[in-house]
Amino acid sequence: MSNIRLFFSNILSADLTDKLDKSQSHYLIKVMRVKENEVFSLFNKEGEWEAKILGISKSIVEFKTTKQLRQKENAKELWLAFSPIKSNYQNFMIQKATELGITKFLPIIFDRTVVRKINKERLEKIVIEASEQSYRMNVPLIESPQTLDSFLKKDMMDLIFTDLNSDNIKVDKSKLTDKPVCIIIGPEGDFSEAERDKILSFKGVQSVKINENILRSETAVISAISIVNYVIN
């Protein structure tokens, strides 16, 4: 099997004949130097398929799926609620969180959030590329920025609150339900006291200290995801 993996947003099925978009065609032709009859793989949340190149016309690749390589994944939903940060650090954070299994990103504007906008299109490209290289199939979703109050109205998750003031250092698996697990990471200036009170009043929240040191946002994200993954997997 080829190690070239591409995310395909349309429906994938047996003996499907279709074309790649301009960007993906350019990648195969100019970067990977693939030729007619060579194979690569296409994936999305429904599974992964081997595809054979039928032809290249006007710099666009036409392909046909030849066999299914993997079935649909039923991975645990793991969300990340985070404060937007400077783009270079944020891009790194999103990439690594995708590699570690996050299934949804929820940007939150906290009282002390400095960066209050995100380049959603750029972040979507990052999660696709990270999914392609990390051999996962379900590409994470990225929500638009929202307030903490709006986020906390969602009664559909088990919340892991990374709180430097907590005395607890472990996630209690027995307290988790079948709902998605959501990790919430604060801004670089930390949560305000009012925000801490709101989060701690959320039904089913677990407050966890992930490190004795004050961590950068991107470091805290990697650390917290690793801790939660150890419990839920």
Protein backbone atom coordinates (compact mmCIF):
# COMPACT_ATOMS: atom_id res chain seq x y z
CA MET A 1 0.00 0.00 0.00
CA SER A 2 1.20 3.51 -0.81
CA ASN A 3 2.01 5.77 2.13
CA ILE A 4 0.32 8.70 0.36
CA ARG A 5 -2.92 9.49 2.21
CA LEU A 6 -5.35 12.22 1.20
CA PHE A 7 -8.54 13.39 2.88
CA PHE A 8 -11.52 13.20 0.52
CA SER A 9 -14.57 15.20 1.61
CA ASN A 10 -17.04 13.54 -0.77
CA ILE A 11 -18.58 10.07 -0.40
CA LEU A 12 -16.20 7.14 -0.81
CA SER A 13 -17.41 3.74 -2.00
CA ALA A 14 -16.33 0.66 -3.94
CA ASP A 15 -15.41 1.19 -7.60
CA LEU A 16 -15.89 4.94 -7.30
CA THR A 17 -14.55 7.00 -10.21
CA ASP A 18 -13.93 10.67 -9.45
CA LYS A 19 -11.38 13.47 -9.65
CA LEU A 20 -9.17 15.16 -7.08
CA ASP A 21 -9.26 18.90 -6.67
CA LYS A 22 -6.56 21.14 -8.11
CA SER A 23 -4.49 21.31 -4.91
CA GLN A 24 -4.43 17.57 -4.27
CA SER A 25 -3.75 16.83 -7.94
CA HIS A 26 -0.78 19.22 -7.86
CA TYR A 27 0.54 17.49 -4.73
CA LEU A 28 0.41 14.05 -6.35
CA ILE A 29 1.79 15.12 -9.71
CA LYS A 30 4.43 17.73 -8.81
CA VAL A 31 5.44 16.81 -5.26
CA MET A 32 5.03 13.04 -5.08
CA ARG A 33 5.66 12.48 -8.81
CA VAL A 34 3.01 9.80 -9.15
CA LYS A 35 2.15 8.37 -12.54
CA GLU A 36 -0.84 6.74 -14.17
CA ASN A 37 -1.77 3.33 -12.66
CA GLU A 38 0.01 4.10 -9.38
CA VAL A 39 -1.98 3.83 -6.14
CA PHE A 40 -2.56 6.01 -3.10
CA SER A 41 -5.23 6.08 -0.39
CA LEU A 42 -8.24 8.28 0.27
CA PHE A 43 -10.02 8.56 3.60
CA ASN A 44 -12.75 10.30 5.52
CA LYS A 45 -14.80 9.45 8.61
CA GLU A 46 -16.53 6.61 6.72
CA GLY A 47 -13.33 4.66 6.04
CA GLU A 48 -10.19 4.44 3.94
CA TRP A 49 -9.84 3.19 0.37
CA GLU A 50 -7.02 2.36 -1.99
CA ALA A 51 -7.31 4.36 -5.20
CA LYS A 52 -5.66 3.87 -8.59
CA ILE A 53 -4.81 6.74 -10.90
CA LEU A 54 -6.74 6.32 -14.14
CA GLY A 55 -5.34 9.35 -15.89
CA ILE A 56 -4.04 12.89 -15.59
CA SER A 57 -5.70 15.53 -17.74
CA LYS A 58 -5.12 19.29 -17.55
CA SER A 59 -3.21 18.75 -14.28
CA ILE A 60 -6.20 17.04 -12.64
CA VAL A 61 -5.98 13.45 -11.36
CA GLU A 62 -8.80 11.03 -12.13
CA PHE A 63 -8.95 7.95 -9.90
CA LYS A 64 -10.90 4.82 -9.16
CA THR A 65 -11.20 3.17 -5.75
CA THR A 66 -10.02 -0.44 -5.89
CA LYS A 67 -10.46 -1.81 -2.36
CA GLN A 68 -11.33 -0.76 1.14
CA LEU A 69 -8.37 -0.61 3.50
CA ARG A 70 -10.05 0.31 6.79
CA GLN A 71 -13.56 0.50 8.15
CA LYS A 72 -15.20 3.44 9.88
CA GLU A 73 -13.65 4.27 13.26
CA ASN A 74 -15.70 4.45 16.45
CA ALA A 75 -13.25 6.46 18.50
CA LYS A 76 -14.18 8.20 21.76
CA GLU A 77 -15.19 11.81 21.24
CA LEU A 78 -12.45 14.00 22.75
CA TRP A 79 -12.93 17.76 22.52
CA LEU A 80 -10.62 20.68 23.27
CA ALA A 81 -11.96 24.03 24.48
CA PHE A 82 -9.15 26.57 24.32
CA SER A 83 -8.31 30.24 24.24
CA PRO A 84 -6.97 31.45 20.87
CA ILE A 85 -3.27 32.36 21.00
CA LYS A 86 -0.72 33.75 18.55
CA SER A 87 -0.92 31.98 15.21
CA ASN A 88 2.47 30.22 15.13
CA TYR A 89 1.93 28.69 18.59
CA GLN A 90 -1.70 28.00 17.84
CA ASN A 91 -0.91 26.21 14.58
CA PHE A 92 1.51 23.96 16.45
CA MET A 93 -1.06 23.32 19.19
CA ILE A 94 -3.81 22.40 16.73
CA GLN A 95 -1.48 20.11 14.80
CA LYS A 96 -0.32 18.19 17.87
CA ALA A 97 -3.81 18.01 19.38
CA THR A 98 -5.05 16.49 16.13
CA GLU A 99 -2.27 13.90 16.19
CA LEU A 100 -3.25 13.05 19.78
CA GLY A 101 -6.87 12.38 18.90
CA ILE A 102 -8.93 15.54 19.46
CA THR A 103 -12.19 15.28 17.51
CA LYS A 104 -13.51 18.82 17.95
CA PHE A 105 -11.90 22.20 18.67
CA LEU A 106 -13.94 24.85 20.50
CA PRO A 107 -12.25 28.29 20.64
CA ILE A 108 -13.43 30.32 23.65
CA ILE A 109 -13.02 34.02 24.29
CA PHE A 110 -12.14 34.33 27.99
CA ASP A 111 -11.83 37.53 30.02
CA ARG A 112 -8.04 37.48 29.57
CA THR A 113 -7.92 36.21 26.00
CA VAL A 114 -5.64 38.45 23.92
CA VAL A 115 -6.14 36.99 20.43
CA ARG A 116 -9.88 37.17 19.75
CA LYS A 117 -10.11 35.89 16.19
CA ILE A 118 -9.02 32.70 14.45
CA ASN A 119 -8.22 31.90 10.83
CA LYS A 120 -10.65 29.01 10.60
CA GLU A 121 -9.74 28.16 7.01
CA ARG A 122 -6.05 27.91 7.91
CA LEU A 123 -6.77 25.74 10.96
CA GLU A 124 -8.95 23.40 8.88
CA LYS A 125 -6.02 22.88 6.51
CA ILE A 126 -3.78 22.08 9.47
CA VAL A 127 -6.13 19.46 10.91
CA ILE A 128 -6.50 17.80 7.51
CA GLU A 129 -2.73 17.63 6.99
CA ALA A 130 -2.19 16.35 10.54
CA SER A 131 -4.88 13.71 10.05
CA GLU A 132 -3.31 12.59 6.78
CA GLN A 133 0.14 12.11 8.28
CA SER A 134 -0.98 10.62 11.61
CA TYR A 135 -3.02 7.81 10.00
CA ARG A 136 -6.32 8.86 11.52
CA MET A 137 -9.56 9.01 9.54
CA ASN A 138 -11.98 11.29 11.40
CA VAL A 139 -10.80 14.84 10.72
CA PRO A 140 -11.57 17.12 13.70
CA LEU A 141 -14.24 19.82 13.48
CA ILE A 142 -13.43 23.43 14.33
CA GLU A 143 -16.18 25.59 15.78
CA SER A 144 -16.33 29.38 15.58
CA PRO A 145 -15.18 31.34 18.66
CA GLN A 146 -17.76 31.62 21.43
CA THR A 147 -18.08 32.97 24.96
CA LEU A 148 -17.57 30.85 28.04
CA ASP A 149 -21.24 31.28 28.99
CA SER A 150 -22.33 29.95 25.60
CA PHE A 151 -19.95 27.01 25.88
CA LEU A 152 -21.16 26.07 29.37
CA LYS A 153 -24.76 25.90 28.18
CA LYS A 154 -23.87 22.67 26.36
CA ASP A 155 -25.06 19.88 28.63
CA MET A 156 -23.53 17.24 26.41
CA MET A 157 -20.02 16.61 27.71
CA ASP A 158 -17.86 15.48 30.60
CA LEU A 159 -15.67 18.48 31.37
CA ILE A 160 -12.02 18.21 32.44
CA PHE A 161 -10.98 21.55 33.93
CA THR A 162 -7.21 22.11 33.93
CA ASP A 163 -6.95 24.19 37.07
CA LEU A 164 -3.63 25.24 38.55
CA ASN A 165 -5.37 25.76 41.91
CA SER A 166 -6.74 22.22 42.11
CA ASP A 167 -5.46 19.68 44.62
CA ASN A 168 -6.52 16.83 42.35
CA ILE A 169 -3.87 15.38 40.01
CA LYS A 170 -5.83 12.51 38.42
CA VAL A 171 -8.84 12.11 36.15
CA ASP A 172 -11.40 9.80 37.75
CA LYS A 173 -12.58 7.43 35.03
CA SER A 174 -15.54 6.28 37.14
CA LYS A 175 -17.03 9.78 36.90
CA LEU A 176 -16.97 9.82 33.09
CA THR A 177 -20.13 8.98 31.19
CA ASP A 178 -20.81 8.09 27.56
CA LYS A 179 -20.77 11.78 26.67
CA PRO A 180 -17.80 13.33 24.83
CA VAL A 181 -14.90 14.25 27.08
CA CYS A 182 -13.94 17.92 26.78
CA ILE A 183 -10.71 19.40 28.09
CA ILE A 184 -10.81 23.12 28.81
CA ILE A 185 -7.55 25.11 28.73
CA GLY A 186 -7.44 28.73 29.84
CA PRO A 187 -5.77 31.80 28.31
CA GLU A 188 -2.13 32.68 28.92
CA GLY A 189 -3.21 34.98 31.77
CA ASP A 190 -5.17 32.10 33.36
CA PHE A 191 -8.87 31.98 34.16
CA SER A 192 -10.46 34.82 36.12
CA GLU A 193 -12.00 33.96 39.48
CA ALA A 194 -15.48 34.45 38.02
CA GLU A 195 -14.65 32.04 35.20
CA ARG A 196 -13.30 29.47 37.63
CA ASP A 197 -16.53 29.64 39.63
CA LYS A 198 -18.65 29.19 36.50
CA ILE A 199 -16.63 26.20 35.30
CA LEU A 200 -16.59 24.54 38.71
CA SER A 201 -20.38 24.82 38.87
CA PHE A 202 -20.77 22.84 35.63
CA LYS A 203 -22.46 19.50 36.27
CA GLY A 204 -19.95 16.64 36.21
CA VAL A 205 -16.82 18.78 35.93
CA GLN A 206 -13.50 17.37 37.15
CA SER A 207 -10.86 19.86 38.24
CA VAL A 208 -7.31 18.56 37.61
CA LYS A 209 -3.86 20.07 38.11
CA ILE A 210 -1.77 18.79 35.19
CA ASN A 211 1.58 20.17 36.39
CA GLU A 212 3.12 22.04 39.28
CA ASN A 213 4.66 24.53 36.86
CA ILE A 214 2.84 27.21 34.87
CA LEU A 215 2.75 25.88 31.32
CA ARG A 216 2.45 27.65 28.01
CA SER A 217 -0.94 27.07 26.39
CA GLU A 218 0.38 24.70 23.73
CA THR A 219 2.34 22.71 26.33
CA ALA A 220 -0.69 22.50 28.62
CA VAL A 221 -2.80 21.18 25.74
CA ILE A 222 -0.37 18.37 24.91
CA SER A 223 0.04 17.46 28.57
CA ALA A 224 -3.70 17.45 29.31
CA ILE A 225 -4.61 15.38 26.24
CA SER A 226 -1.96 12.81 27.13
CA ILE A 227 -3.29 12.52 30.68
CA VAL A 228 -6.91 12.13 29.52
CA ASN A 229 -5.99 9.67 26.77
CA TYR A 230 -4.28 7.45 29.33
CA VAL A 231 -7.56 7.26 31.26
CA ILE A 232 -10.09 6.84 28.47
CA ASN A 233 -8.15 4.50 26.14
